[in-house]
Amino acid sequence: MDDAYKTARMAWITQYHQRLHRCCVGEAKRVFTMNKVNPLYVPRNYLLQGAIDDAQVGNFAALHELLEVFRQPYEEKPQWHHYSQKRPDWAKEKVGCSMLSCSS
């Protein structure tokens, strides 16, 4: 990262913290409000590609589960915890999970 980027980032963070302190909303209320408009579960490439791969061999279970998860993307459910995780290392090199073709 270059110095200009670091300086700009720190300025933004400082402004954000100042705004939070001016705001009359407490931390818990702010987090609750943000979670209502930012989905916990999003259709990540590696999740979709896994469901596609399974469906191509006749196994539609993952596809049906993803459909159920994405019908309620804001509602946290313990059994869906793995759908909110960052992309696993194995997906970084798998076609369809990270690398997109030029036609994408």
N, C-alpha and C. Protein backbone atom coordinates (compact mmCIF):
# COMPACT_ATOMS: atom_id res chain seq x y z
N MET A 1 0.84 -1.18 0.00
CA MET A 1 0.00 0.00 0.00
C MET A 1 0.88 1.24 0.00
N ASP A 2 0.50 2.19 -0.81
CA ASP A 2 1.29 3.41 -0.83
C ASP A 2 0.84 4.35 0.29
N ASP A 3 1.66 5.36 0.56
CA ASP A 3 1.40 6.28 1.66
C ASP A 3 0.11 7.08 1.47
N ALA A 4 -0.18 7.47 0.24
CA ALA A 4 -1.40 8.24 -0.02
C ALA A 4 -2.63 7.42 0.33
N TYR A 5 -2.60 6.15 -0.01
CA TYR A 5 -3.74 5.28 0.31
C TYR A 5 -3.88 5.13 1.82
N LYS A 6 -2.77 4.90 2.51
CA LYS A 6 -2.81 4.75 3.97
C LYS A 6 -3.32 6.01 4.64
N THR A 7 -2.88 7.15 4.16
CA THR A 7 -3.32 8.43 4.72
C THR A 7 -4.82 8.62 4.50
N ALA A 8 -5.29 8.34 3.30
CA ALA A 8 -6.72 8.48 2.99
C ALA A 8 -7.55 7.52 3.82
N ARG A 9 -7.07 6.30 3.97
CA ARG A 9 -7.79 5.30 4.76
C ARG A 9 -7.89 5.73 6.22
N MET A 10 -6.81 6.20 6.78
CA MET A 10 -6.81 6.65 8.17
C MET A 10 -7.72 7.86 8.36
N ALA A 11 -7.75 8.76 7.39
CA ALA A 11 -8.64 9.92 7.47
C ALA A 11 -10.09 9.46 7.48
N TRP A 12 -10.42 8.50 6.63
CA TRP A 12 -11.79 7.99 6.59
C TRP A 12 -12.16 7.33 7.91
N ILE A 13 -11.25 6.51 8.44
CA ILE A 13 -11.52 5.83 9.72
C ILE A 13 -11.71 6.84 10.83
N THR A 14 -10.90 7.87 10.86
CA THR A 14 -11.02 8.91 11.87
C THR A 14 -12.37 9.61 11.77
N GLN A 15 -12.78 9.97 10.55
CA GLN A 15 -14.08 10.61 10.35
C GLN A 15 -15.22 9.68 10.78
N TYR A 16 -15.08 8.41 10.46
CA TYR A 16 -16.12 7.44 10.83
C TYR A 16 -16.24 7.34 12.35
N HIS A 17 -15.13 7.26 13.04
CA HIS A 17 -15.17 7.19 14.50
C HIS A 17 -15.76 8.46 15.11
N GLN A 18 -15.42 9.60 14.55
CA GLN A 18 -15.99 10.87 15.03
C GLN A 18 -17.50 10.88 14.83
N ARG A 19 -17.93 10.40 13.69
CA ARG A 19 -19.37 10.35 13.41
C ARG A 19 -20.08 9.41 14.38
N LEU A 20 -19.46 8.27 14.68
CA LEU A 20 -20.05 7.33 15.63
C LEU A 20 -20.20 7.97 17.01
N HIS A 21 -19.23 8.75 17.43
CA HIS A 21 -19.30 9.40 18.73
C HIS A 21 -20.36 10.50 18.78
N ARG A 22 -20.60 11.17 17.64
CA ARG A 22 -21.64 12.21 17.57
C ARG A 22 -23.03 11.60 17.53
N CYS A 23 -23.11 10.43 17.04
CA CYS A 23 -24.40 9.76 16.86
C CYS A 23 -25.01 9.41 18.21
N CYS A 24 -26.31 9.50 18.29
CA CYS A 24 -27.00 9.21 19.55
C CYS A 24 -27.38 7.73 19.69
N VAL A 25 -27.02 6.93 18.71
CA VAL A 25 -27.39 5.52 18.72
C VAL A 25 -26.26 4.72 19.36
N GLY A 26 -26.59 3.84 20.27
CA GLY A 26 -25.60 3.02 20.94
C GLY A 26 -25.06 1.93 20.02
N GLU A 27 -23.98 1.31 20.46
CA GLU A 27 -23.31 0.27 19.67
C GLU A 27 -24.27 -0.87 19.32
N ALA A 28 -25.01 -1.37 20.29
CA ALA A 28 -25.90 -2.51 20.05
C ALA A 28 -26.98 -2.15 19.02
N LYS A 29 -27.55 -0.97 19.13
CA LYS A 29 -28.59 -0.53 18.18
C LYS A 29 -28.00 -0.37 16.78
N ARG A 30 -26.78 0.20 16.69
CA ARG A 30 -26.12 0.39 15.40
C ARG A 30 -25.85 -0.95 14.73
N VAL A 31 -25.35 -1.91 15.50
CA VAL A 31 -25.06 -3.23 14.95
C VAL A 31 -26.36 -3.91 14.51
N PHE A 32 -27.39 -3.81 15.32
CA PHE A 32 -28.69 -4.41 14.98
C PHE A 32 -29.22 -3.83 13.67
N THR A 33 -29.16 -2.51 13.54
CA THR A 33 -29.65 -1.83 12.34
C THR A 33 -28.84 -2.24 11.12
N MET A 34 -27.52 -2.29 11.25
CA MET A 34 -26.67 -2.69 10.12
C MET A 34 -26.95 -4.13 9.70
N ASN A 35 -27.15 -5.00 10.67
CA ASN A 35 -27.41 -6.41 10.35
C ASN A 35 -28.75 -6.61 9.66
N LYS A 36 -29.69 -5.69 9.86
CA LYS A 36 -30.98 -5.80 9.19
C LYS A 36 -30.90 -5.50 7.71
N VAL A 37 -29.89 -4.72 7.29
CA VAL A 37 -29.79 -4.33 5.88
C VAL A 37 -28.58 -4.93 5.17
N ASN A 38 -27.74 -5.64 5.88
CA ASN A 38 -26.58 -6.31 5.29
C ASN A 38 -26.74 -7.81 5.49
N PRO A 39 -26.97 -8.55 4.43
CA PRO A 39 -27.23 -9.99 4.59
C PRO A 39 -26.02 -10.73 5.17
N LEU A 40 -26.32 -11.70 6.00
CA LEU A 40 -25.30 -12.56 6.57
C LEU A 40 -24.84 -13.59 5.55
N TYR A 41 -25.78 -14.07 4.76
CA TYR A 41 -25.49 -15.10 3.76
C TYR A 41 -25.58 -14.49 2.37
N VAL A 42 -24.52 -14.62 1.61
CA VAL A 42 -24.50 -14.11 0.24
C VAL A 42 -24.08 -15.24 -0.70
N PRO A 43 -24.56 -15.23 -1.94
CA PRO A 43 -24.25 -16.31 -2.88
C PRO A 43 -22.82 -16.21 -3.42
N ARG A 44 -21.89 -16.76 -2.68
CA ARG A 44 -20.49 -16.74 -3.08
C ARG A 44 -20.24 -17.77 -4.18
N ASN A 45 -19.30 -17.45 -5.06
CA ASN A 45 -19.02 -18.32 -6.21
C ASN A 45 -18.76 -19.76 -5.81
N TYR A 46 -17.94 -19.98 -4.79
CA TYR A 46 -17.59 -21.35 -4.43
C TYR A 46 -18.79 -22.14 -3.94
N LEU A 47 -19.75 -21.47 -3.28
CA LEU A 47 -20.96 -22.17 -2.85
C LEU A 47 -21.82 -22.55 -4.04
N LEU A 48 -21.98 -21.61 -4.95
CA LEU A 48 -22.80 -21.87 -6.14
C LEU A 48 -22.17 -22.93 -7.03
N GLN A 49 -20.85 -22.85 -7.21
CA GLN A 49 -20.18 -23.83 -8.07
C GLN A 49 -20.28 -25.24 -7.49
N GLY A 50 -20.18 -25.35 -6.18
CA GLY A 50 -20.35 -26.66 -5.55
C GLY A 50 -21.73 -27.24 -5.79
N ALA A 51 -22.75 -26.39 -5.69
CA ALA A 51 -24.13 -26.83 -5.94
C ALA A 51 -24.31 -27.21 -7.41
N ILE A 52 -23.69 -26.45 -8.30
CA ILE A 52 -23.76 -26.76 -9.74
C ILE A 52 -23.10 -28.09 -10.03
N ASP A 53 -21.90 -28.29 -9.47
CA ASP A 53 -21.19 -29.56 -9.68
C ASP A 53 -22.02 -30.75 -9.21
N ASP A 54 -22.63 -30.62 -8.03
CA ASP A 54 -23.46 -31.71 -7.51
C ASP A 54 -24.69 -31.93 -8.39
N ALA A 55 -25.32 -30.86 -8.83
CA ALA A 55 -26.53 -30.97 -9.66
C ALA A 55 -26.23 -31.65 -10.99
N GLN A 56 -25.04 -31.43 -11.52
CA GLN A 56 -24.69 -32.04 -12.80
C GLN A 56 -24.59 -33.56 -12.72
N VAL A 57 -24.42 -34.09 -11.52
CA VAL A 57 -24.39 -35.54 -11.36
C VAL A 57 -25.66 -36.05 -10.68
N GLY A 58 -26.70 -35.18 -10.66
CA GLY A 58 -28.01 -35.61 -10.17
C GLY A 58 -28.27 -35.38 -8.70
N ASN A 59 -27.35 -34.75 -7.97
CA ASN A 59 -27.55 -34.50 -6.54
C ASN A 59 -27.95 -33.03 -6.37
N PHE A 60 -29.21 -32.81 -6.05
CA PHE A 60 -29.74 -31.46 -5.95
C PHE A 60 -29.87 -30.97 -4.50
N ALA A 61 -29.36 -31.72 -3.54
CA ALA A 61 -29.49 -31.36 -2.12
C ALA A 61 -28.84 -30.01 -1.82
N ALA A 62 -27.62 -29.79 -2.30
CA ALA A 62 -26.94 -28.52 -2.03
C ALA A 62 -27.68 -27.35 -2.66
N LEU A 63 -28.19 -27.55 -3.84
CA LEU A 63 -28.95 -26.50 -4.52
C LEU A 63 -30.20 -26.13 -3.72
N HIS A 64 -30.92 -27.13 -3.24
CA HIS A 64 -32.14 -26.87 -2.47
C HIS A 64 -31.80 -26.17 -1.15
N GLU A 65 -30.69 -26.58 -0.53
CA GLU A 65 -30.31 -25.93 0.72
C GLU A 65 -29.91 -24.47 0.48
N LEU A 66 -29.13 -24.21 -0.59
CA LEU A 66 -28.77 -22.83 -0.90
C LEU A 66 -29.99 -21.98 -1.17
N LEU A 67 -30.96 -22.53 -1.88
CA LEU A 67 -32.19 -21.78 -2.13
C LEU A 67 -32.88 -21.40 -0.82
N GLU A 68 -32.88 -22.32 0.13
CA GLU A 68 -33.50 -22.05 1.43
C GLU A 68 -32.70 -20.99 2.20
N VAL A 69 -31.40 -21.08 2.17
CA VAL A 69 -30.54 -20.11 2.86
C VAL A 69 -30.76 -18.72 2.29
N PHE A 70 -30.76 -18.59 0.96
CA PHE A 70 -30.85 -17.29 0.33
C PHE A 70 -32.26 -16.71 0.32
N ARG A 71 -33.24 -17.51 0.74
CA ARG A 71 -34.59 -16.96 0.94
C ARG A 71 -34.65 -16.16 2.24
N GLN A 72 -33.71 -16.45 3.15
CA GLN A 72 -33.67 -15.78 4.46
C GLN A 72 -32.24 -15.32 4.76
N PRO A 73 -31.67 -14.45 3.94
CA PRO A 73 -30.25 -14.13 4.07
C PRO A 73 -29.88 -13.31 5.31
N TYR A 74 -30.86 -12.73 5.99
CA TYR A 74 -30.57 -11.90 7.16
C TYR A 74 -30.74 -12.66 8.46
N GLU A 75 -31.38 -13.81 8.39
CA GLU A 75 -31.72 -14.58 9.59
C GLU A 75 -30.62 -15.57 9.93
N GLU A 76 -29.95 -15.35 11.04
CA GLU A 76 -28.85 -16.22 11.44
C GLU A 76 -29.40 -17.55 11.97
N LYS A 77 -28.86 -18.63 11.44
CA LYS A 77 -29.23 -19.97 11.89
C LYS A 77 -27.96 -20.77 12.09
N PRO A 78 -27.80 -21.42 13.23
CA PRO A 78 -26.55 -22.14 13.52
C PRO A 78 -26.19 -23.19 12.47
N GLN A 79 -27.17 -23.86 11.90
CA GLN A 79 -26.88 -24.89 10.91
C GLN A 79 -26.35 -24.31 9.60
N TRP A 80 -26.47 -23.01 9.42
CA TRP A 80 -25.99 -22.35 8.20
C TRP A 80 -24.69 -21.58 8.42
N HIS A 81 -24.09 -21.75 9.57
CA HIS A 81 -22.89 -20.99 9.92
C HIS A 81 -21.82 -21.05 8.83
N HIS A 82 -21.62 -22.22 8.25
CA HIS A 82 -20.57 -22.38 7.23
C HIS A 82 -20.85 -21.55 5.96
N TYR A 83 -22.08 -21.12 5.75
CA TYR A 83 -22.39 -20.30 4.59
C TYR A 83 -21.97 -18.84 4.76
N SER A 84 -21.63 -18.45 5.98
CA SER A 84 -21.23 -17.07 6.23
C SER A 84 -19.71 -16.91 6.35
N GLN A 85 -18.98 -17.98 6.13
CA GLN A 85 -17.53 -17.95 6.26
C GLN A 85 -16.86 -17.42 5.00
N LYS A 86 -15.62 -16.99 5.16
CA LYS A 86 -14.84 -16.55 4.00
C LYS A 86 -14.55 -17.74 3.10
N ARG A 87 -14.20 -17.45 1.88
CA ARG A 87 -13.89 -18.49 0.91
C ARG A 87 -12.74 -19.37 1.43
N PRO A 88 -12.91 -20.69 1.40
CA PRO A 88 -11.84 -21.58 1.85
C PRO A 88 -10.67 -21.58 0.87
N ASP A 89 -9.52 -21.96 1.36
CA ASP A 89 -8.31 -21.95 0.53
C ASP A 89 -8.45 -22.81 -0.72
N TRP A 90 -9.13 -23.96 -0.62
CA TRP A 90 -9.24 -24.84 -1.78
C TRP A 90 -9.97 -24.16 -2.94
N ALA A 91 -10.85 -23.20 -2.62
CA ALA A 91 -11.65 -22.55 -3.66
C ALA A 91 -10.87 -21.47 -4.42
N LYS A 92 -9.69 -21.11 -3.92
CA LYS A 92 -8.92 -20.06 -4.58
C LYS A 92 -8.39 -20.48 -5.94
N GLU A 93 -8.22 -21.78 -6.14
CA GLU A 93 -7.66 -22.28 -7.39
C GLU A 93 -8.66 -23.06 -8.24
N LYS A 94 -9.86 -23.28 -7.71
CA LYS A 94 -10.84 -24.08 -8.44
C LYS A 94 -11.61 -23.22 -9.44
N VAL A 95 -11.65 -23.65 -10.66
CA VAL A 95 -12.38 -22.93 -11.70
C VAL A 95 -13.85 -22.82 -11.30
N GLY A 96 -14.41 -21.63 -11.48
CA GLY A 96 -15.79 -21.39 -11.12
C GLY A 96 -15.96 -20.86 -9.72
N CYS A 97 -14.92 -21.01 -8.90
CA CYS A 97 -14.99 -20.54 -7.52
C CYS A 97 -14.26 -19.22 -7.31
N SER A 98 -13.22 -19.04 -8.06
CA SER A 98 -12.43 -17.83 -7.94
C SER A 98 -12.05 -17.29 -9.29
N MET A 99 -11.57 -18.21 -10.13
CA MET A 99 -11.12 -17.80 -11.46
C MET A 99 -12.31 -17.80 -12.40
N LEU A 100 -12.51 -16.69 -13.07
CA LEU A 100 -13.61 -16.59 -14.01
C LEU A 100 -13.06 -16.57 -15.43
N SER A 101 -13.81 -17.09 -16.34
CA SER A 101 -13.37 -17.10 -17.73
C SER A 101 -13.56 -15.71 -18.33
N CYS A 102 -12.96 -15.49 -19.46
CA CYS A 102 -13.07 -14.16 -20.11
C CYS A 102 -14.50 -13.90 -20.57
N SER A 103 -15.33 -14.91 -20.66
CA SER A 103 -16.70 -14.71 -21.10
C SER A 103 -17.63 -14.39 -19.93
N SER A 104 -17.11 -14.38 -18.71
CA SER A 104 -17.95 -14.12 -17.53
C SER A 104 -18.35 -12.69 -17.43
